[in-house]
Amino acid sequence: MPDGSLSAPVTPGAGGELDSPAPPEEDIVESYTRAEKRERARLFRRGFRQALADCVDPKVEAAIERIDQRAAERGAQEFAALLKVQADARQAVATAKATERTAAREDRAAARQARKTAEDHLRRAERAVARAES
């Protein structure tokens, strides 16, 4: 892409708007809670010991899979929310730029400050999306 902001292709939606790109299947964003991390580690250790004895309980594997599924769902929701915040921030910057260009001379300083604030918010949103993608 020319602007380098999106890593996945964007397709037009039903209403003509652009759909937000979903993370590729191999790059699933997961968001584990503290309790899930502890429980998953405990189950992993139990499964590892069982694997050494060559008698792995399918309940252990199923429990780990359920935890992973919940974390993947939560991660997808959080990533979608981050993309929405980023899109809203981009719209706010565009609005602030238009306001600055059309402001009267005495209001231009306040409009410039509002634009800079909106750009700072956009940068923070873009960094959050980049951290979530990596």
Protein backbone atom coordinates (compact mmCIF):
# COMPACT_ATOMS: atom_id res chain seq x y z
CA MET A 1 0.00 0.00 0.00
CA PRO A 2 1.26 3.50 -0.71
CA ASP A 3 0.77 4.86 2.82
CA GLY A 4 2.01 1.70 4.53
CA SER A 5 -0.72 1.89 7.17
CA LEU A 6 -2.59 -1.33 6.39
CA SER A 7 -1.02 -4.74 6.13
CA ALA A 8 -4.06 -6.62 4.83
CA PRO A 9 -6.12 -5.88 1.73
CA VAL A 10 -9.22 -3.77 2.31
CA THR A 11 -12.44 -4.58 0.46
CA PRO A 12 -15.57 -2.49 0.01
CA GLY A 13 -18.37 -3.40 2.40
CA ALA A 14 -22.07 -3.70 1.73
CA GLY A 15 -22.70 0.01 2.33
CA GLY A 16 -19.78 1.18 0.18
CA GLU A 17 -17.55 1.84 3.19
CA LEU A 18 -14.22 0.11 3.55
CA ASP A 19 -14.14 -2.86 5.89
CA SER A 20 -11.41 -2.95 8.50
CA PRO A 21 -8.83 -5.61 7.73
CA ALA A 22 -8.91 -8.66 9.94
CA PRO A 23 -5.64 -10.11 11.16
CA PRO A 24 -4.48 -13.03 9.01
CA GLU A 25 -5.33 -16.48 10.34
CA GLU A 26 -1.74 -17.34 11.23
CA ASP A 27 -1.37 -14.07 13.19
CA ILE A 28 -4.19 -14.57 15.67
CA VAL A 29 -4.15 -11.91 18.36
CA GLU A 30 -4.62 -13.51 21.77
CA SER A 31 -5.40 -11.78 25.02
CA TYR A 32 -5.00 -14.01 28.08
CA THR A 33 -6.15 -12.91 31.53
CA ARG A 34 -3.83 -13.54 34.47
CA ALA A 35 -5.97 -16.44 35.65
CA GLU A 36 -5.97 -17.98 32.17
CA LYS A 37 -2.18 -17.71 31.95
CA ARG A 38 -1.80 -19.45 35.31
CA GLU A 39 -4.32 -22.15 34.49
CA ARG A 40 -2.86 -22.76 31.03
CA ALA A 41 0.66 -23.07 32.45
CA ARG A 42 -0.59 -25.50 35.12
CA LEU A 43 -2.39 -27.60 32.53
CA PHE A 44 0.62 -27.51 30.22
CA ARG A 45 2.88 -28.83 32.99
CA ARG A 46 0.36 -31.56 33.79
CA GLY A 47 0.11 -32.51 30.10
CA PHE A 48 3.89 -32.51 29.76
CA ARG A 49 4.25 -34.91 32.68
CA GLN A 50 1.51 -37.10 31.22
CA ALA A 51 3.20 -37.05 27.82
CA LEU A 52 6.43 -38.29 29.43
CA ALA A 53 4.43 -41.18 30.87
CA ASP A 54 2.68 -41.62 27.49
CA CYS A 55 -0.82 -41.33 28.93
CA VAL A 56 -2.12 -37.84 28.06
CA ASP A 57 -5.60 -37.11 29.35
CA PRO A 58 -7.78 -35.61 26.57
CA LYS A 59 -9.49 -33.42 29.20
CA VAL A 60 -6.22 -31.53 29.72
CA GLU A 61 -5.85 -30.87 26.00
CA ALA A 62 -9.51 -29.82 25.75
CA ALA A 63 -9.15 -27.41 28.67
CA ILE A 64 -6.06 -25.80 27.09
CA GLU A 65 -7.94 -25.52 23.79
CA ARG A 66 -10.92 -23.81 25.51
CA ILE A 67 -8.59 -21.29 27.17
CA ASP A 68 -6.86 -20.61 23.84
CA GLN A 69 -10.22 -20.15 22.10
CA ARG A 70 -11.45 -17.65 24.70
CA ALA A 71 -8.18 -15.72 24.47
CA ALA A 72 -8.35 -15.64 20.67
CA GLU A 73 -11.94 -14.34 20.75
CA ARG A 74 -11.03 -11.67 23.29
CA GLY A 75 -7.96 -10.71 21.28
CA ALA A 76 -10.00 -10.34 18.08
CA GLN A 77 -12.51 -8.12 19.87
CA GLU A 78 -9.76 -5.94 21.33
CA PHE A 79 -8.02 -5.68 17.94
CA ALA A 80 -11.28 -4.66 16.25
CA ALA A 81 -11.80 -2.02 18.94
CA LEU A 82 -8.27 -0.70 18.35
CA LEU A 83 -8.94 -0.44 14.62
CA LYS A 84 -12.14 1.48 15.34
CA VAL A 85 -10.29 3.90 17.63
CA GLN A 86 -7.66 4.38 14.91
CA ALA A 87 -10.32 5.09 12.25
CA ASP A 88 -12.08 7.54 14.58
CA ALA A 89 -8.77 9.29 15.28
CA ARG A 90 -8.07 9.61 11.55
CA GLN A 91 -11.50 11.16 11.05
CA ALA A 92 -10.87 13.56 13.95
CA VAL A 93 -7.58 14.68 12.36
CA ALA A 94 -9.30 15.29 9.02
CA THR A 95 -12.03 17.31 10.74
CA ALA A 96 -9.46 19.30 12.74
CA LYS A 97 -7.47 20.10 9.59
CA ALA A 98 -10.61 21.31 7.81
CA THR A 99 -11.54 23.42 10.84
CA GLU A 100 -8.07 24.92 10.96
CA ARG A 101 -8.13 25.82 7.27
CA THR A 102 -11.53 27.48 7.54
CA ALA A 103 -11.03 29.20 10.91
CA ALA A 104 -11.06 32.95 11.26
CA ARG A 105 -7.72 34.57 11.99
CA GLU A 106 -8.42 34.99 15.73
CA ASP A 107 -9.54 31.35 16.04
CA ARG A 108 -6.69 29.83 14.05
CA ALA A 109 -4.34 29.29 17.03
CA ALA A 110 -6.99 27.32 18.92
CA ALA A 111 -7.77 25.31 15.78
CA ARG A 112 -4.06 24.55 15.28
CA GLN A 113 -3.81 23.32 18.88
CA ALA A 114 -6.90 21.15 18.37
CA ARG A 115 -5.32 19.67 15.22
CA LYS A 116 -2.05 18.92 17.03
CA THR A 117 -3.98 17.24 19.86
CA ALA A 118 -5.91 15.13 17.33
CA GLU A 119 -2.66 14.16 15.59
CA ASP A 120 -1.13 13.12 18.92
CA HIS A 121 -4.19 10.95 19.62
CA LEU A 122 -3.86 9.39 16.15
CA ARG A 123 -0.17 8.59 16.74
CA ARG A 124 -1.02 6.87 20.04
CA ALA A 125 -3.78 4.87 18.32
CA GLU A 126 -1.44 3.83 15.49
CA ARG A 127 1.22 2.71 17.98
CA ALA A 128 -1.35 0.66 19.88
CA VAL A 129 -2.46 -1.06 16.65
CA ALA A 130 1.17 -1.72 15.67
CA ARG A 131 1.88 -3.27 19.10
CA ALA A 132 -1.20 -5.46 18.81
CA GLU A 133 -0.22 -6.65 15.34
CA SER A 134 3.29 -7.66 16.39
